């Protein structure tokens, strides 16, 4: 069985979006700065361009998109991205939502499941021996961490202080001990992988 991995980009001060994120607003006010590493440099949401990450960033992006057997995201993220145009960019993707009666077409790659624990269990079933990536949002990550369902954190830290937005860890109310297992750097992000050290009983 693979690992359950939180894989998210955040600012240096811990925000995963800028203020005013939402449907048709993307990552909020100039929040695309968080994903310069994905697009190979400065990019505005209204530009039409292909992914152009290279070097370390390209390696990390490829791992994130193709390394896992399934992904889990929250309904808010799904709605903000308009369901990524109707097809999952991550392969099989489980969406955590209370509105499971709104199931999308199975051909889209999305499946709606109620509850974080049930969604991760379903993603593990789909992934088999491969990893499961939790791609956000922040609330979903916090719920998974509190439930002890996460094995690793793969954080992409953009060189920006946003000052406000949606905090990744918020009021987590939980102490976690981490072991750094890898660090890679580019001009647009510092990619740090941590293993969560199991709590002693």
N, C-alpha and C. Protein backbone atom coordinates (compact mmCIF):
# COMPACT_ATOMS: atom_id res chain seq x y z
N UNK A 1 0.84 -1.19 0.00
CA UNK A 1 0.00 0.00 0.00
C UNK A 1 0.88 1.24 0.00
N UNK A 2 0.49 2.22 -0.82
CA UNK A 2 1.26 3.44 -0.91
C UNK A 2 1.00 4.39 0.25
N UNK A 3 1.61 5.55 0.17
CA UNK A 3 1.46 6.58 1.20
C UNK A 3 0.35 7.55 0.84
N UNK A 4 -0.18 8.22 1.85
CA UNK A 4 -1.11 9.33 1.64
C UNK A 4 -0.30 10.61 1.81
N UNK A 5 -0.27 11.43 0.74
CA UNK A 5 0.64 12.57 0.67
C UNK A 5 -0.15 13.85 0.44
N UNK A 6 0.04 14.83 1.31
CA UNK A 6 -0.47 16.17 1.05
C UNK A 6 0.51 16.84 0.10
N UNK A 7 0.02 17.31 -1.05
CA UNK A 7 0.87 17.91 -2.08
C UNK A 7 0.28 19.26 -2.45
N UNK A 8 0.86 20.35 -1.90
CA UNK A 8 0.28 21.68 -2.08
C UNK A 8 1.36 22.76 -2.17
N UNK A 9 1.00 23.83 -2.85
CA UNK A 9 1.85 25.02 -2.91
C UNK A 9 1.36 26.03 -1.88
N UNK A 10 2.31 26.70 -1.23
CA UNK A 10 1.93 27.74 -0.28
C UNK A 10 2.94 28.87 -0.33
N UNK A 11 2.52 30.04 0.20
CA UNK A 11 3.43 31.17 0.33
C UNK A 11 4.36 30.95 1.52
N UNK A 12 5.36 31.79 1.63
CA UNK A 12 6.30 31.67 2.74
C UNK A 12 5.60 31.85 4.08
N UNK A 13 4.51 32.63 4.10
CA UNK A 13 3.77 32.81 5.35
C UNK A 13 2.58 31.85 5.47
N UNK A 14 2.57 30.79 4.65
CA UNK A 14 1.65 29.68 4.90
C UNK A 14 0.29 29.74 4.26
N UNK A 15 0.08 30.62 3.26
CA UNK A 15 -1.23 30.71 2.61
C UNK A 15 -1.24 29.91 1.30
N UNK A 16 -2.36 29.22 1.04
CA UNK A 16 -2.49 28.44 -0.20
C UNK A 16 -3.29 29.20 -1.25
N UNK A 17 -3.90 30.32 -0.88
CA UNK A 17 -4.52 31.23 -1.83
C UNK A 17 -4.28 32.66 -1.34
N UNK A 18 -4.43 33.59 -2.26
CA UNK A 18 -4.47 35.01 -1.89
C UNK A 18 -5.91 35.35 -1.51
N UNK A 19 -6.16 36.55 -0.99
CA UNK A 19 -7.54 36.94 -0.67
C UNK A 19 -8.44 36.92 -1.91
N UNK A 20 -9.72 36.69 -1.68
CA UNK A 20 -10.77 36.74 -2.71
C UNK A 20 -10.67 35.60 -3.72
N UNK A 21 -10.22 34.43 -3.29
CA UNK A 21 -10.26 33.28 -4.18
C UNK A 21 -11.71 32.82 -4.31
N UNK A 22 -12.00 32.11 -5.37
CA UNK A 22 -13.35 31.60 -5.56
C UNK A 22 -13.59 31.28 -7.02
N UNK A 23 -14.81 30.80 -7.36
CA UNK A 23 -15.12 30.51 -8.76
C UNK A 23 -14.86 31.74 -9.63
N UNK A 24 -14.20 31.52 -10.74
CA UNK A 24 -13.83 32.57 -11.69
C UNK A 24 -12.83 33.57 -11.10
N UNK A 25 -12.31 33.30 -9.90
CA UNK A 25 -11.29 34.15 -9.28
C UNK A 25 -9.99 33.37 -9.09
N UNK A 26 -10.03 32.06 -9.32
CA UNK A 26 -8.84 31.24 -9.17
C UNK A 26 -8.25 31.32 -7.78
N UNK A 27 -6.95 31.58 -7.71
CA UNK A 27 -6.24 31.64 -6.43
C UNK A 27 -6.34 33.01 -5.76
N UNK A 28 -7.26 33.85 -6.20
CA UNK A 28 -7.48 35.15 -5.56
C UNK A 28 -6.66 36.25 -6.19
N UNK A 29 -6.57 37.37 -5.48
CA UNK A 29 -5.92 38.57 -5.99
C UNK A 29 -4.43 38.34 -6.25
N UNK A 30 -4.08 38.20 -7.51
CA UNK A 30 -2.70 37.95 -7.94
C UNK A 30 -2.12 36.70 -7.28
N UNK A 31 -3.01 35.75 -6.96
CA UNK A 31 -2.58 34.51 -6.32
C UNK A 31 -1.82 33.56 -7.23
N UNK A 32 -1.86 33.84 -8.54
CA UNK A 32 -1.13 32.97 -9.48
C UNK A 32 0.37 32.97 -9.21
N UNK A 33 0.86 33.95 -8.44
CA UNK A 33 2.28 33.97 -8.07
C UNK A 33 2.68 32.66 -7.37
N UNK A 34 1.73 32.03 -6.72
CA UNK A 34 2.02 30.76 -6.04
C UNK A 34 2.42 29.67 -7.03
N UNK A 35 1.90 29.75 -8.24
CA UNK A 35 2.13 28.68 -9.21
C UNK A 35 3.06 29.07 -10.35
N UNK A 36 3.86 30.09 -10.15
CA UNK A 36 4.86 30.41 -11.17
C UNK A 36 5.73 29.19 -11.47
N UNK A 37 6.01 28.38 -10.42
CA UNK A 37 6.85 27.20 -10.64
C UNK A 37 6.17 26.20 -11.58
N UNK A 38 4.85 26.18 -11.59
CA UNK A 38 4.11 25.27 -12.47
C UNK A 38 4.15 25.77 -13.92
N UNK A 39 4.06 27.09 -14.10
CA UNK A 39 3.94 27.67 -15.43
C UNK A 39 5.26 28.16 -16.01
N UNK A 40 6.35 27.96 -15.29
CA UNK A 40 7.65 28.35 -15.82
C UNK A 40 7.93 29.83 -15.72
N UNK A 41 7.21 30.53 -14.85
CA UNK A 41 7.45 31.95 -14.66
C UNK A 41 6.16 32.72 -14.49
N UNK A 42 6.25 34.05 -14.45
CA UNK A 42 5.06 34.87 -14.24
C UNK A 42 3.97 34.56 -15.25
N UNK A 43 2.75 34.51 -14.75
CA UNK A 43 1.60 34.10 -15.55
C UNK A 43 0.36 34.73 -14.95
N UNK A 44 -0.53 35.23 -15.81
CA UNK A 44 -1.82 35.74 -15.35
C UNK A 44 -2.90 34.77 -15.79
N UNK A 45 -3.91 34.62 -14.99
CA UNK A 45 -4.96 33.65 -15.26
C UNK A 45 -5.70 33.85 -16.56
N UNK A 46 -5.63 35.06 -17.14
CA UNK A 46 -6.34 35.30 -18.39
C UNK A 46 -5.48 35.01 -19.62
N UNK A 47 -4.23 34.61 -19.40
CA UNK A 47 -3.35 34.27 -20.52
C UNK A 47 -3.61 32.84 -20.97
N UNK A 48 -3.48 32.61 -22.26
CA UNK A 48 -3.58 31.25 -22.79
C UNK A 48 -2.15 30.79 -23.05
N UNK A 49 -1.71 29.79 -22.29
CA UNK A 49 -0.38 29.26 -22.51
C UNK A 49 -0.31 27.85 -21.98
N UNK A 50 0.62 27.10 -22.49
CA UNK A 50 0.81 25.73 -22.03
C UNK A 50 1.69 25.71 -20.80
N UNK A 51 1.60 24.59 -20.04
CA UNK A 51 2.53 24.40 -18.95
C UNK A 51 3.94 24.43 -19.51
N UNK A 52 4.84 25.12 -18.84
CA UNK A 52 6.20 25.26 -19.36
C UNK A 52 7.23 25.12 -18.25
N UNK A 53 6.90 24.39 -17.18
CA UNK A 53 7.88 24.22 -16.12
C UNK A 53 9.02 23.37 -16.62
N UNK A 54 10.22 23.70 -16.17
CA UNK A 54 11.41 22.99 -16.61
C UNK A 54 12.29 22.66 -15.41
N UNK A 55 13.33 21.89 -15.66
CA UNK A 55 14.31 21.59 -14.63
C UNK A 55 13.68 20.93 -13.42
N UNK A 56 14.08 21.41 -12.24
CA UNK A 56 13.57 20.88 -10.98
C UNK A 56 12.06 21.01 -10.91
N UNK A 57 11.54 22.17 -11.32
CA UNK A 57 10.09 22.37 -11.26
C UNK A 57 9.36 21.38 -12.15
N UNK A 58 9.88 21.14 -13.34
CA UNK A 58 9.27 20.16 -14.24
C UNK A 58 9.28 18.77 -13.66
N UNK A 59 10.38 18.41 -13.01
CA UNK A 59 10.48 17.10 -12.36
C UNK A 59 9.43 16.96 -11.27
N UNK A 60 9.32 17.98 -10.43
CA UNK A 60 8.38 17.92 -9.31
C UNK A 60 6.94 17.91 -9.82
N UNK A 61 6.65 18.70 -10.83
CA UNK A 61 5.29 18.72 -11.40
C UNK A 61 4.93 17.37 -11.99
N UNK A 62 5.87 16.77 -12.71
CA UNK A 62 5.62 15.46 -13.29
C UNK A 62 5.34 14.43 -12.21
N UNK A 63 6.09 14.47 -11.14
CA UNK A 63 5.86 13.55 -10.02
C UNK A 63 4.47 13.75 -9.42
N UNK A 64 4.08 15.02 -9.26
CA UNK A 64 2.79 15.32 -8.65
C UNK A 64 1.63 14.87 -9.54
N UNK A 65 1.77 15.06 -10.85
CA UNK A 65 0.68 14.73 -11.77
C UNK A 65 0.59 13.25 -12.09
N UNK A 66 1.73 12.56 -12.07
CA UNK A 66 1.73 11.18 -12.56
C UNK A 66 2.21 10.14 -11.56
N UNK A 67 2.66 10.58 -10.38
CA UNK A 67 3.24 9.63 -9.44
C UNK A 67 2.24 8.87 -8.59
N UNK A 68 1.05 9.43 -8.44
CA UNK A 68 0.07 8.81 -7.54
C UNK A 68 -0.94 7.98 -8.33
N UNK A 69 -1.56 7.04 -7.63
CA UNK A 69 -2.60 6.22 -8.25
C UNK A 69 -3.98 6.84 -8.16
N UNK A 70 -4.15 7.81 -7.27
CA UNK A 70 -5.42 8.52 -7.11
C UNK A 70 -5.16 9.79 -6.32
N UNK A 71 -6.06 10.75 -6.45
CA UNK A 71 -5.97 12.01 -5.71
C UNK A 71 -7.27 12.28 -4.98
N UNK A 72 -7.18 13.16 -3.99
CA UNK A 72 -8.35 13.59 -3.23
C UNK A 72 -8.33 15.11 -3.16
N UNK A 73 -9.46 15.74 -3.47
CA UNK A 73 -9.60 17.18 -3.34
C UNK A 73 -10.94 17.49 -2.67
N UNK A 74 -11.07 18.69 -2.17
CA UNK A 74 -12.32 19.13 -1.57
C UNK A 74 -13.27 19.68 -2.61
N UNK A 75 -14.55 19.73 -2.24
CA UNK A 75 -15.56 20.21 -3.18
C UNK A 75 -15.34 21.67 -3.54
N UNK A 76 -14.87 22.48 -2.60
CA UNK A 76 -14.64 23.89 -2.89
C UNK A 76 -13.59 24.04 -3.99
N UNK A 77 -12.51 23.28 -3.90
CA UNK A 77 -11.48 23.35 -4.93
C UNK A 77 -12.05 22.90 -6.28
N UNK A 78 -12.82 21.84 -6.25
CA UNK A 78 -13.45 21.34 -7.47
C UNK A 78 -14.32 22.43 -8.10
N UNK A 79 -15.11 23.11 -7.28
CA UNK A 79 -16.00 24.16 -7.80
C UNK A 79 -15.22 25.38 -8.29
N UNK A 80 -14.17 25.77 -7.55
CA UNK A 80 -13.38 26.94 -7.94
C UNK A 80 -12.74 26.74 -9.31
N UNK A 81 -12.32 25.51 -9.59
CA UNK A 81 -11.67 25.23 -10.88
C UNK A 81 -12.67 24.83 -11.95
N UNK A 82 -13.98 24.90 -11.59
CA UNK A 82 -15.02 24.44 -12.50
C UNK A 82 -14.76 23.02 -12.97
N UNK A 83 -14.34 22.18 -12.00
CA UNK A 83 -14.09 20.77 -12.31
C UNK A 83 -13.01 20.57 -13.35
N UNK A 84 -12.06 21.52 -13.39
CA UNK A 84 -10.95 21.44 -14.35
C UNK A 84 -11.47 21.19 -15.77
N UNK A 85 -12.58 21.82 -16.09
CA UNK A 85 -13.12 21.71 -17.44
C UNK A 85 -13.78 20.39 -17.73
N UNK A 86 -14.08 19.61 -16.68
CA UNK A 86 -14.80 18.36 -16.89
C UNK A 86 -13.94 17.12 -16.97
N UNK A 87 -12.63 17.27 -16.75
CA UNK A 87 -11.75 16.09 -16.78
C UNK A 87 -10.63 16.28 -15.77
N UNK A 88 -10.42 15.27 -14.94
CA UNK A 88 -9.39 15.35 -13.91
C UNK A 88 -7.99 15.39 -14.52
N UNK A 89 -7.17 16.38 -14.14
CA UNK A 89 -5.79 16.41 -14.62
C UNK A 89 -4.88 15.48 -13.83
N UNK A 90 -5.42 14.85 -12.77
CA UNK A 90 -4.62 14.03 -11.86
C UNK A 90 -4.86 12.54 -12.03
N UNK A 91 -5.60 12.11 -13.05
CA UNK A 91 -6.04 10.73 -13.10
C UNK A 91 -7.24 10.57 -12.18
N UNK A 92 -7.50 9.37 -11.66
CA UNK A 92 -8.67 9.19 -10.79
C UNK A 92 -8.62 10.16 -9.61
N UNK A 93 -9.73 10.86 -9.37
CA UNK A 93 -9.76 11.89 -8.34
C UNK A 93 -11.06 11.79 -7.54
N UNK A 94 -10.93 11.64 -6.23
CA UNK A 94 -12.07 11.57 -5.33
C UNK A 94 -12.32 12.95 -4.75
N UNK A 95 -13.54 13.42 -4.85
CA UNK A 95 -13.92 14.75 -4.37
C UNK A 95 -14.75 14.58 -3.10
N UNK A 96 -14.31 15.23 -2.03
CA UNK A 96 -15.03 15.15 -0.75
C UNK A 96 -16.18 16.15 -0.78
N UNK A 97 -17.41 15.65 -0.65
CA UNK A 97 -18.58 16.51 -0.69
C UNK A 97 -19.74 15.83 0.01
N UNK A 98 -20.62 16.65 0.59
CA UNK A 98 -21.85 16.10 1.16
C UNK A 98 -22.90 15.88 0.07
N UNK A 99 -22.68 16.49 -1.10
CA UNK A 99 -23.67 16.40 -2.17
C UNK A 99 -23.30 15.29 -3.16
N UNK A 100 -23.30 14.08 -2.68
CA UNK A 100 -22.89 12.95 -3.51
C UNK A 100 -23.91 12.61 -4.58
N UNK A 101 -25.13 13.14 -4.45
CA UNK A 101 -26.15 12.89 -5.46
C UNK A 101 -25.86 13.62 -6.76
N UNK A 102 -24.85 14.50 -6.75
CA UNK A 102 -24.47 15.26 -7.95
C UNK A 102 -23.29 14.60 -8.67
N UNK A 103 -23.18 13.28 -8.59
CA UNK A 103 -22.04 12.55 -9.18
C UNK A 103 -21.78 12.98 -10.62
N UNK A 104 -20.52 13.28 -10.95
CA UNK A 104 -20.18 13.60 -12.34
C UNK A 104 -20.10 12.33 -13.18
N UNK A 105 -20.01 12.51 -14.47
CA UNK A 105 -19.84 11.39 -15.40
C UNK A 105 -18.56 10.63 -15.02
N UNK A 106 -18.63 9.32 -14.85
CA UNK A 106 -17.41 8.56 -14.49
C UNK A 106 -16.25 8.76 -15.47
N UNK A 107 -16.57 9.08 -16.72
CA UNK A 107 -15.51 9.30 -17.71
C UNK A 107 -14.68 10.54 -17.40
N UNK A 108 -15.19 11.42 -16.53
CA UNK A 108 -14.45 12.63 -16.16
C UNK A 108 -13.25 12.32 -15.28
N UNK A 109 -13.26 11.16 -14.63
CA UNK A 109 -12.20 10.81 -13.69
C UNK A 109 -12.50 11.20 -12.27
N UNK A 110 -13.63 11.89 -12.04
CA UNK A 110 -14.02 12.33 -10.70
C UNK A 110 -15.07 11.40 -10.09
N UNK A 111 -14.99 11.23 -8.78
CA UNK A 111 -15.98 10.49 -8.03
C UNK A 111 -16.26 11.25 -6.74
N UNK A 112 -17.53 11.49 -6.41
CA UNK A 112 -17.90 12.21 -5.21
C UNK A 112 -18.11 11.24 -4.06
N UNK A 113 -17.50 11.53 -2.91
CA UNK A 113 -17.61 10.70 -1.72
C UNK A 113 -17.83 11.60 -0.52
N UNK A 114 -18.69 11.20 0.39
CA UNK A 114 -19.00 12.00 1.58
C UNK A 114 -18.05 11.65 2.72
N UNK A 115 -17.29 12.64 3.20
CA UNK A 115 -16.42 12.45 4.35
C UNK A 115 -14.97 12.21 3.97
N UNK A 116 -14.07 12.84 4.74
CA UNK A 116 -12.63 12.75 4.45
C UNK A 116 -12.13 11.31 4.58
N UNK A 117 -12.48 10.65 5.69
CA UNK A 117 -12.01 9.28 5.88
C UNK A 117 -12.47 8.35 4.78
N UNK A 118 -13.75 8.46 4.41
CA UNK A 118 -14.30 7.60 3.35
C UNK A 118 -13.65 7.91 2.00
N UNK A 119 -13.38 9.20 1.76
CA UNK A 119 -12.76 9.59 0.48
C UNK A 119 -11.34 9.05 0.37
N UNK A 120 -10.57 9.15 1.44
CA UNK A 120 -9.20 8.64 1.40
C UNK A 120 -9.21 7.12 1.28
N UNK A 121 -10.13 6.47 1.97
CA UNK A 121 -10.25 5.01 1.85
C UNK A 121 -10.57 4.61 0.41
N UNK A 122 -11.49 5.35 -0.22
CA UNK A 122 -11.84 5.06 -1.62
C UNK A 122 -10.65 5.30 -2.53
N UNK A 123 -9.92 6.39 -2.29
CA UNK A 123 -8.75 6.69 -3.12
C UNK A 123 -7.68 5.61 -2.96
N UNK A 124 -7.51 5.10 -1.73
CA UNK A 124 -6.55 4.00 -1.51
C UNK A 124 -6.97 2.76 -2.30
N UNK A 125 -8.27 2.51 -2.31
CA UNK A 125 -8.78 1.34 -3.05
C UNK A 125 -8.47 1.49 -4.53
N UNK A 126 -8.69 2.68 -5.08
CA UNK A 126 -8.41 2.93 -6.49
C UNK A 126 -6.91 2.84 -6.77
N UNK A 127 -6.10 3.43 -5.88
CA UNK A 127 -4.66 3.53 -6.11
C UNK A 127 -3.92 2.20 -5.98
N UNK A 128 -4.49 1.25 -5.24
CA UNK A 128 -3.80 -0.02 -5.05
C UNK A 128 -2.49 0.17 -4.31
N UNK A 129 -1.38 -0.22 -4.92
CA UNK A 129 -0.07 -0.09 -4.28
C UNK A 129 0.56 1.29 -4.47
N UNK A 130 -0.08 2.16 -5.24
CA UNK A 130 0.48 3.49 -5.48
C UNK A 130 0.04 4.47 -4.39
N UNK A 131 0.66 5.66 -4.41
CA UNK A 131 0.35 6.69 -3.43
C UNK A 131 -0.99 7.35 -3.72
N UNK A 132 -1.51 8.02 -2.70
CA UNK A 132 -2.69 8.88 -2.82
C UNK A 132 -2.24 10.31 -2.51
N UNK A 133 -2.54 11.24 -3.41
CA UNK A 133 -2.20 12.65 -3.18
C UNK A 133 -3.43 13.41 -2.74
N UNK A 134 -3.29 14.19 -1.67
CA UNK A 134 -4.33 15.12 -1.27
C UNK A 134 -3.92 16.49 -1.80
N UNK A 135 -4.72 17.02 -2.73
CA UNK A 135 -4.36 18.25 -3.39
C UNK A 135 -5.04 19.49 -2.85
N UNK A 136 -5.76 19.40 -1.78
CA UNK A 136 -6.38 20.58 -1.19
C UNK A 136 -7.89 20.54 -1.30
N UNK A 137 -8.50 21.53 -0.74
CA UNK A 137 -7.92 22.72 -0.16
C UNK A 137 -7.48 22.56 1.30
N UNK A 138 -7.27 23.73 1.89
CA UNK A 138 -6.70 23.79 3.23
C UNK A 138 -7.57 23.08 4.26
N UNK A 139 -8.87 23.26 4.20
CA UNK A 139 -9.76 22.63 5.17
C UNK A 139 -9.67 21.12 5.10
N UNK A 140 -9.65 20.59 3.88
CA UNK A 140 -9.53 19.14 3.69
C UNK A 140 -8.22 18.62 4.28
N UNK A 141 -7.13 19.34 4.03
CA UNK A 141 -5.82 18.95 4.56
C UNK A 141 -5.85 18.92 6.09
N UNK A 142 -6.43 19.96 6.68
CA UNK A 142 -6.49 20.02 8.14
C UNK A 142 -7.31 18.86 8.71
N UNK A 143 -8.43 18.54 8.08
CA UNK A 143 -9.25 17.41 8.55
C UNK A 143 -8.48 16.09 8.46
N UNK A 144 -7.75 15.90 7.35
CA UNK A 144 -6.99 14.66 7.17
C UNK A 144 -5.85 14.56 8.18
N UNK A 145 -5.20 15.68 8.46
CA UNK A 145 -4.12 15.68 9.45
C UNK A 145 -4.66 15.39 10.85
N UNK A 146 -5.76 16.03 11.21
CA UNK A 146 -6.34 15.78 12.54
C UNK A 146 -6.75 14.33 12.71
N UNK A 147 -7.19 13.69 11.63
CA UNK A 147 -7.63 12.30 11.69
C UNK A 147 -6.47 11.32 11.63
N UNK A 148 -5.24 11.84 11.47
CA UNK A 148 -4.07 10.96 11.41
C UNK A 148 -3.99 10.15 10.14
N UNK A 149 -4.52 10.69 9.03
CA UNK A 149 -4.60 9.92 7.77
C UNK A 149 -3.49 10.26 6.79
N UNK A 150 -2.57 11.15 7.16
CA UNK A 150 -1.53 11.62 6.25
C UNK A 150 -0.17 11.05 6.65
N UNK A 151 0.57 10.57 5.66
CA UNK A 151 1.91 10.03 5.89
C UNK A 151 3.02 11.02 5.58
N UNK A 152 2.81 11.86 4.56
CA UNK A 152 3.86 12.77 4.11
C UNK A 152 3.26 14.11 3.70
N UNK A 153 4.10 15.15 3.77
CA UNK A 153 3.77 16.47 3.26
C UNK A 153 4.76 16.81 2.15
N UNK A 154 4.27 17.12 0.96
CA UNK A 154 5.11 17.62 -0.12
C UNK A 154 4.69 19.06 -0.36
N UNK A 155 5.49 19.99 0.15
CA UNK A 155 5.14 21.40 0.12
C UNK A 155 6.02 22.15 -0.87
N UNK A 156 5.38 23.00 -1.66
CA UNK A 156 6.08 23.81 -2.65
C UNK A 156 5.95 25.26 -2.16
N UNK A 157 7.02 25.80 -1.64
CA UNK A 157 6.97 27.10 -0.97
C UNK A 157 7.41 28.18 -1.96
N UNK A 158 6.43 29.01 -2.35
CA UNK A 158 6.72 30.09 -3.29
C UNK A 158 7.41 31.24 -2.55
N UNK A 159 8.35 31.93 -3.21
CA UNK A 159 9.09 33.02 -2.54
C UNK A 159 8.27 34.30 -2.51
N UNK A 160 7.17 34.26 -1.76
CA UNK A 160 6.30 35.43 -1.64
C UNK A 160 5.64 35.39 -0.26
N UNK A 161 5.45 36.55 0.32
CA UNK A 161 4.66 36.69 1.55
C UNK A 161 3.36 37.36 1.15
N UNK A 162 2.25 36.63 1.22
CA UNK A 162 0.96 37.15 0.78
C UNK A 162 0.30 38.02 1.83
N UNK A 163 0.54 37.74 3.10
CA UNK A 163 -0.03 38.56 4.16
C UNK A 163 -1.45 38.20 4.54
N UNK A 164 -2.17 37.53 3.65
CA UNK A 164 -3.56 37.13 3.91
C UNK A 164 -3.95 36.10 2.88
N UNK A 165 -5.06 35.44 3.13
CA UNK A 165 -5.56 34.41 2.23
C UNK A 165 -6.07 33.23 3.04
N UNK A 166 -6.01 32.05 2.47
CA UNK A 166 -6.42 30.84 3.17
C UNK A 166 -5.18 30.13 3.72
N UNK A 167 -5.03 30.06 5.05
CA UNK A 167 -3.84 29.42 5.62
C UNK A 167 -3.91 27.91 5.51
N UNK A 168 -2.80 27.31 5.13
CA UNK A 168 -2.78 25.86 4.97
C UNK A 168 -3.05 25.16 6.29
N UNK A 169 -2.41 25.60 7.36
CA UNK A 169 -2.55 24.88 8.62
C UNK A 169 -3.54 25.54 9.57
N UNK A 170 -3.87 26.81 9.34
CA UNK A 170 -4.89 27.48 10.13
C UNK A 170 -4.76 27.23 11.62
N UNK A 171 -5.87 26.95 12.26
CA UNK A 171 -5.87 26.59 13.68
C UNK A 171 -5.92 25.07 13.79
N UNK A 172 -4.85 24.45 13.35
CA UNK A 172 -4.83 22.98 13.29
C UNK A 172 -5.05 22.36 14.66
N UNK A 173 -4.47 22.98 15.70
CA UNK A 173 -4.66 22.45 17.05
C UNK A 173 -3.99 21.11 17.26
N UNK A 174 -2.92 20.88 16.52
CA UNK A 174 -2.27 19.57 16.56
C UNK A 174 -0.78 19.77 16.36
N UNK A 175 0.03 19.11 17.19
CA UNK A 175 1.48 19.17 17.01
C UNK A 175 1.91 17.97 16.18
N UNK A 176 2.68 18.24 15.14
CA UNK A 176 3.21 17.17 14.29
C UNK A 176 4.73 17.28 14.25
N UNK A 177 5.40 16.16 14.39
CA UNK A 177 6.86 16.12 14.25
C UNK A 177 7.16 15.59 12.86
N UNK A 178 8.06 16.29 12.17
CA UNK A 178 8.34 15.98 10.78
C UNK A 178 9.81 15.62 10.58
N UNK A 179 10.04 14.76 9.62
CA UNK A 179 11.40 14.42 9.19
C UNK A 179 11.54 14.83 7.74
N UNK A 180 12.46 15.75 7.45
CA UNK A 180 12.66 16.18 6.07
C UNK A 180 13.35 15.06 5.30
N UNK A 181 12.77 14.69 4.15
CA UNK A 181 13.35 13.61 3.36
C UNK A 181 13.91 14.10 2.03
N UNK A 182 13.50 15.30 1.59
CA UNK A 182 14.05 15.82 0.33
C UNK A 182 13.80 17.31 0.25
N UNK A 183 14.75 18.02 -0.35
CA UNK A 183 14.56 19.43 -0.65
C UNK A 183 15.16 19.73 -2.01
N UNK A 184 14.37 20.40 -2.86
CA UNK A 184 14.81 20.81 -4.19
C UNK A 184 14.45 22.28 -4.34
N UNK A 185 15.26 23.02 -5.11
CA UNK A 185 15.04 24.46 -5.21
C UNK A 185 15.07 24.93 -6.65
N UNK A 186 14.28 25.97 -6.90
CA UNK A 186 14.31 26.67 -8.17
C UNK A 186 14.07 28.16 -7.87
N UNK A 187 14.17 29.02 -8.86
CA UNK A 187 13.88 30.43 -8.59
C UNK A 187 12.43 30.68 -8.16
N UNK A 188 11.52 29.74 -8.47
CA UNK A 188 10.10 29.97 -8.23
C UNK A 188 9.52 29.21 -7.05
N UNK A 189 10.27 28.26 -6.49
CA UNK A 189 9.75 27.50 -5.34
C UNK A 189 10.86 26.70 -4.68
N UNK A 190 10.67 26.47 -3.40
CA UNK A 190 11.49 25.50 -2.67
C UNK A 190 10.57 24.32 -2.38
N UNK A 191 10.93 23.17 -2.92
CA UNK A 191 10.10 21.97 -2.81
C UNK A 191 10.65 21.12 -1.66
N UNK A 192 9.86 20.98 -0.62
CA UNK A 192 10.32 20.25 0.57
C UNK A 192 9.36 19.10 0.87
N UNK A 193 9.91 17.91 0.97
CA UNK A 193 9.12 16.72 1.32
C UNK A 193 9.42 16.33 2.76
N UNK A 194 8.37 16.12 3.53
CA UNK A 194 8.50 15.70 4.91
C UNK A 194 7.74 14.40 5.13
N UNK A 195 8.29 13.57 5.99
CA UNK A 195 7.56 12.41 6.50
C UNK A 195 7.03 12.77 7.87
N UNK A 196 5.77 12.44 8.12
CA UNK A 196 5.21 12.69 9.45
C UNK A 196 5.66 11.58 10.38
N UNK A 197 6.33 11.96 11.45
CA UNK A 197 6.82 10.98 12.42
C UNK A 197 5.63 10.50 13.24
N UNK A 198 5.38 9.21 13.24
CA UNK A 198 4.21 8.69 13.98
C UNK A 198 4.25 9.09 15.46
N UNK A 199 3.09 9.38 15.98
CA UNK A 199 2.99 9.76 17.39
C UNK A 199 3.27 8.54 18.25
N UNK A 200 4.03 8.75 19.30
CA UNK A 200 4.31 7.64 20.23
C UNK A 200 3.05 7.36 21.06
N UNK A 201 2.86 6.09 21.38
CA UNK A 201 1.65 5.71 22.14
C UNK A 201 1.98 5.56 23.61
